[in-house]
Protein backbone atom coordinates (compact mmCIF):
# COMPACT_ATOMS: atom_id res chain seq x y z
CA MET A 1 103.06 82.85 131.82
CA SER A 2 106.54 81.42 131.54
CA SER A 3 109.16 83.69 130.04
CA GLY A 4 111.88 81.04 129.74
CA PRO A 5 112.69 78.87 126.75
CA ALA A 6 109.81 76.48 127.49
CA GLY A 7 107.37 79.37 127.57
CA ARG A 8 108.08 80.14 123.94
CA TRP A 9 106.56 76.79 122.97
CA ASP A 10 103.57 76.65 125.34
CA ASP A 11 101.03 76.94 122.53
CA LEU A 12 102.77 74.60 120.11
CA ASN A 13 100.73 71.42 120.74
CA VAL A 14 97.38 73.18 120.45
CA ARG A 15 98.54 75.03 117.34
CA LEU A 16 99.75 71.81 115.74
CA VAL A 17 96.48 69.94 116.32
CA SER A 18 94.42 72.86 115.02
CA SER A 19 96.76 73.27 112.06
CA VAL A 20 96.39 69.61 111.09
CA VAL A 21 92.58 69.83 111.18
CA ILE A 22 92.59 73.08 109.19
CA ALA A 23 95.08 71.64 106.69
CA VAL A 24 93.04 68.47 106.13
CA ILE A 25 89.83 70.42 105.51
CA GLY A 26 91.65 72.90 103.29
CA VAL A 27 93.48 70.30 101.20
CA LEU A 28 90.34 68.23 100.67
CA GLY A 29 88.39 71.31 99.58
CA CYS A 30 91.18 72.47 97.27
CA TRP A 31 91.60 69.01 95.75
CA ALA A 32 87.86 68.61 95.17
CA GLY A 33 87.51 72.01 93.51
CA GLY A 34 84.16 72.99 92.01
CA ILE A 35 81.24 73.52 94.37
CA ALA A 36 83.11 72.06 97.35
CA PHE A 37 85.89 74.62 97.04
CA LEU A 38 83.41 77.39 96.34
CA VAL A 39 81.55 76.56 99.56
CA LEU A 40 84.83 76.48 101.48
CA THR A 41 85.97 79.89 100.22
CA VAL A 42 82.54 81.47 100.77
CA VAL A 43 82.32 80.15 104.36
CA VAL A 44 85.85 81.28 105.22
CA CYS A 45 85.32 84.75 103.74
CA ALA A 46 81.93 85.17 105.41
CA VAL A 47 83.36 84.22 108.80
CA MET A 48 86.22 86.68 108.30
CA VAL A 49 83.72 89.47 107.56
CA TRP A 50 81.74 88.48 110.66
CA GLU A 51 84.88 88.57 112.81
CA LEU A 52 85.96 91.89 111.31
CA ALA A 53 82.59 93.53 111.99
CA ARG A 54 82.53 92.24 115.57
CA MET A 55 86.06 93.47 116.20
CA LEU A 56 85.36 96.95 114.87
CA ASP A 57 81.98 97.31 116.57
CA PRO A 58 80.54 94.57 118.84
CA ASP A 59 77.06 96.05 118.37
CA SER A 60 77.15 95.87 114.58
CA PRO A 61 74.83 93.50 112.65
CA ALA A 62 77.82 91.26 111.97
CA ILE A 63 75.83 88.16 111.01
CA ALA A 64 73.78 90.09 108.47
CA MET A 65 76.88 91.66 106.94
CA ALA A 66 78.54 88.24 106.72
CA GLY A 67 75.41 86.89 105.03
CA VAL A 68 75.48 89.67 102.43
CA ALA A 69 79.16 88.98 101.78
CA ALA A 70 78.51 85.23 101.37
CA LEU A 71 75.64 85.82 98.94
CA CYS A 72 77.56 88.35 96.83
CA LEU A 73 80.71 86.19 96.65
CA THR A 74 78.70 83.10 95.69
CA VAL A 75 76.88 84.87 92.87
CA ALA A 76 80.07 86.65 91.72
CA ASN A 77 81.85 83.35 91.11
CA PHE A 78 79.17 82.36 88.55
CA LEU A 79 79.41 85.61 86.59
CA PRO A 80 81.95 87.00 84.11
CA PRO A 81 84.56 89.10 85.97
CA GLY A 82 83.18 92.41 84.72
CA PHE A 83 79.78 91.67 86.26
CA ALA A 84 81.32 90.07 89.36
CA LEU A 85 83.34 93.11 90.46
CA PRO A 86 80.39 95.25 91.66
CA LEU A 87 79.22 92.35 93.82
CA LEU A 88 82.65 92.08 95.42
CA ILE A 89 82.49 95.73 96.48
CA ALA A 90 78.80 95.92 97.45
CA PRO A 91 79.13 94.24 100.91
CA ALA A 92 81.73 96.83 101.92
CA LEU A 93 79.34 99.64 101.03
CA VAL A 94 76.50 97.95 102.93
CA GLY A 95 78.72 97.69 106.00
CA PHE A 96 79.87 101.28 105.58
CA GLY A 97 76.28 102.36 106.06
CA GLN A 98 75.76 100.12 109.10
CA LEU A 99 78.84 100.84 111.20
CA PRO A 100 78.83 104.04 113.25
CA ARG A 101 82.65 104.10 113.44
CA ARG A 102 85.78 102.56 111.93
CA ARG A 103 84.05 102.44 108.58
CA ALA A 104 87.23 102.82 106.54
CA SER A 105 88.81 99.74 108.13
CA PHE A 106 85.71 97.66 107.46
CA THR A 107 85.42 98.88 103.88
CA ILE A 108 89.06 98.21 102.95
CA PHE A 109 89.32 94.80 104.58
CA THR A 110 85.94 93.58 103.33
CA VAL A 111 86.85 94.41 99.74
CA LEU A 112 90.19 92.62 100.18
CA ILE A 113 88.53 89.57 101.75
CA LEU A 114 86.06 89.18 98.89
CA LEU A 115 88.74 89.81 96.26
CA ALA A 116 90.87 87.12 97.92
CA GLY A 117 87.99 84.64 97.89
CA PHE A 118 87.23 85.41 94.27
CA GLY A 119 90.91 85.16 93.37
CA LEU A 120 91.35 81.79 95.07
CA TYR A 121 88.35 80.29 93.31
CA THR A 122 89.54 81.73 89.99
CA LEU A 123 93.04 80.33 90.54
CA ARG A 124 91.64 76.86 91.29
CA THR A 125 89.30 76.97 88.29
CA ASN A 126 91.79 78.34 85.74
CA TYR A 127 95.06 76.74 86.86
CA GLY A 128 94.02 73.65 88.80
CA PHE A 129 94.94 72.15 92.14
CA LEU A 130 98.69 72.23 91.49
CA TRP A 131 99.05 76.00 91.33
CA LEU A 132 96.58 76.62 94.11
CA GLY A 133 98.71 74.21 96.13
CA TRP A 134 101.79 76.30 95.32
CA LEU A 135 100.10 79.42 96.70
CA LEU A 136 99.00 77.58 99.83
CA ALA A 137 102.50 76.16 100.28
CA VAL A 138 104.13 79.60 100.00
CA VAL A 139 101.82 81.11 102.61
CA ILE A 140 102.04 78.14 104.98
CA VAL A 141 105.83 77.85 104.71
CA THR A 142 106.14 81.59 105.31
CA ASP A 143 104.09 81.25 108.49
CA VAL A 144 105.80 78.08 109.74
CA CYS A 145 109.34 79.30 109.06
CA GLY A 146 108.52 82.63 110.68
CA TYR A 147 107.06 80.92 113.75
CA PHE A 148 110.00 78.61 114.42
CA ALA A 149 112.79 81.00 113.41
CA GLY A 150 111.25 83.78 115.45
CA ARG A 151 111.10 81.64 118.56
CA TYR A 152 114.34 79.71 118.08
CA ILE A 153 116.56 82.52 116.77
CA GLY A 154 114.73 85.55 118.15
CA GLY A 155 116.50 88.86 117.69
CA PRO A 156 115.24 92.34 116.82
CA LYS A 157 111.49 92.79 116.59
CA PHE A 158 109.88 93.61 113.26
CA TRP A 159 107.25 96.06 114.55
CA PRO A 160 106.95 95.64 118.33
CA ARG A 161 104.24 98.27 118.81
CA VAL A 162 101.83 96.42 116.52
CA SER A 163 103.01 92.80 116.56
CA PRO A 164 105.39 92.20 119.51
CA LYS A 165 106.11 88.54 118.67
CA LYS A 166 107.28 89.05 115.10
CA THR A 167 111.03 89.26 114.55
CA TRP A 168 113.26 90.08 111.61
CA SER A 169 114.72 86.57 111.79
CA GLY A 170 111.25 85.05 111.38
CA THR A 171 110.38 87.48 108.60
CA ALA A 172 113.54 86.65 106.64
CA ALA A 173 113.09 82.92 107.27
CA GLY A 174 109.65 83.19 105.65
CA TRP A 175 111.21 84.71 102.53
CA ILE A 176 113.84 81.97 102.35
CA GLY A 177 111.24 79.25 102.78
CA ALA A 178 109.06 80.78 100.06
CA ALA A 179 112.02 80.97 97.67
CA ILE A 180 112.73 77.28 98.24
CA VAL A 181 109.09 76.46 97.48
CA GLY A 182 109.33 78.52 94.29
CA VAL A 183 112.51 76.83 93.10
CA ALA A 184 111.12 73.37 93.88
CA MET A 185 107.89 74.14 92.02
CA ALA A 186 109.81 75.52 89.04
CA LEU A 187 111.97 72.39 88.81
CA TRP A 188 108.91 70.16 89.14
CA THR A 189 106.72 71.89 86.57
CA GLY A 190 109.33 73.27 84.18
CA ALA A 191 108.34 76.83 85.04
CA ASP A 192 110.81 79.70 84.80
CA LEU A 193 112.96 80.27 87.89
CA GLN A 194 111.34 83.68 88.12
CA LEU A 195 108.80 81.73 90.13
CA ALA A 196 111.20 81.97 93.07
CA GLY A 197 110.97 85.76 92.99
CA ILE A 198 107.18 85.61 92.62
CA SER A 199 107.06 83.26 95.60
CA VAL A 200 109.08 85.65 97.75
CA SER A 201 106.79 88.51 96.70
CA VAL A 202 103.71 86.49 97.62
CA SER A 203 105.40 85.68 100.93
CA MET A 204 105.94 89.38 101.60
CA ALA A 205 102.33 90.14 100.69
CA SER A 206 101.13 87.44 103.09
CA GLN A 207 103.23 88.99 105.84
CA LEU A 208 101.72 92.38 105.07
CA GLY A 209 98.27 90.84 105.40
CA ASP A 210 99.27 89.47 108.79
CA ILE A 211 100.67 92.82 109.91
CA ALA A 212 97.61 94.73 108.68
CA GLU A 213 95.29 92.50 110.67
CA SER A 214 97.54 92.86 113.74
CA ALA A 215 97.32 96.64 113.40
CA VAL A 216 93.52 96.49 113.37
CA LYS A 217 93.47 94.26 116.44
CA ARG A 218 95.88 96.57 118.24
CA ARG A 219 93.72 99.55 117.33
CA VAL A 220 90.52 98.02 118.72
CA GLY A 221 92.25 96.42 121.69
CA VAL A 222 91.67 92.69 121.08
CA LYS A 223 94.16 89.82 121.05
CA ASP A 224 92.36 87.59 118.55
CA SER A 225 89.64 88.12 115.96
CA SER A 226 87.59 85.40 117.69
CA THR A 227 88.07 82.10 119.53
CA LEU A 228 86.85 79.76 116.80
CA LEU A 229 90.24 78.08 116.20
CA PRO A 230 92.08 76.84 119.33
CA GLY A 231 95.70 77.97 119.36
CA HIS A 232 95.15 80.35 116.46
CA GLY A 233 92.35 82.64 117.60
CA GLY A 234 89.92 83.31 114.80
CA VAL A 235 89.62 82.48 111.12
CA PHE A 236 90.88 85.97 110.29
CA ASP A 237 93.97 85.32 112.44
CA ARG A 238 94.66 82.13 110.52
CA PHE A 239 93.91 83.36 107.00
CA ASP A 240 95.22 86.94 107.14
CA GLY A 241 98.37 85.82 105.34
CA MET A 242 96.37 84.02 102.67
CA LEU A 243 94.34 87.20 102.26
CA GLY A 244 97.44 89.22 101.42
CA GLY A 245 98.96 86.56 99.20
CA ALA A 246 95.79 85.86 97.21
CA VAL A 247 95.00 89.52 96.57
CA PHE A 248 98.59 90.19 95.52
CA LEU A 249 98.58 87.26 93.09
CA LEU A 250 95.24 88.38 91.67
CA LEU A 251 96.63 91.85 91.01
CA ILE A 252 99.97 90.82 89.51
CA SER A 253 98.50 88.13 87.28
CA ALA A 254 97.56 90.94 84.90
CA LEU A 255 101.16 92.19 84.86
CA ILE A 256 103.20 89.00 84.58
CA ASP A 257 103.07 85.79 82.61
CA PHE A 258 101.69 83.40 85.20
CA PRO A 259 102.70 80.67 85.63
CA PRO A 260 106.02 81.96 84.26
CA GLY A 261 107.39 79.90 81.40
CA VAL A 262 104.55 77.37 81.44
CA VAL A 263 102.77 76.93 78.14
């Protein structure tokens, strides 16, 4: 593998093509909303659970656990939140009883995955395509700014033992990009400029989701969660940032006026 300047960009073309395909599918699903978006979120979450189970224990009944997660998430989205919550936790408990090891990792991440899926569908249903688009933009801009700044600027590594490619320059660039998205969205919608701070916080949460997944992969000794997405690895590798951002937004929505300043 090349270690020169060109080597830093070897995967760019494949990543770009995959990103365009993922973006088109994602935008169409988000725009359509309703059942189409529900199916999209359920499929993505189920695949992430499947990848997680396979990473933690290749001999686990990963397909069955993904099926349980898909069923519970689907039903949960048709119930009032109080009745939905037990269903969002149940697949983690089922997996806890099936895995002979690394049960805590499976339990924590499965709960977060299902909460993220539930939160995304709730955001689309309650606030519409515009605010779901804001969340997607924050996470995507964080990732894109981090990718290019990290490779173009370089500099000190963020956490080399867990994620050797991530740099402080890329991390900070993600925050700046998210703040710009927040300011632009506030000016467009008339929301309070506090949205910039919320955007940076969501950006940080998405980075934590990325780091947490990297730590799991490092622990089990795999490079990618799967090979489903060329240039990106697995679905978990692609949506780990969205996982962190969506769960964070779901949690803080009870603490802040969201969207801020919008009647």
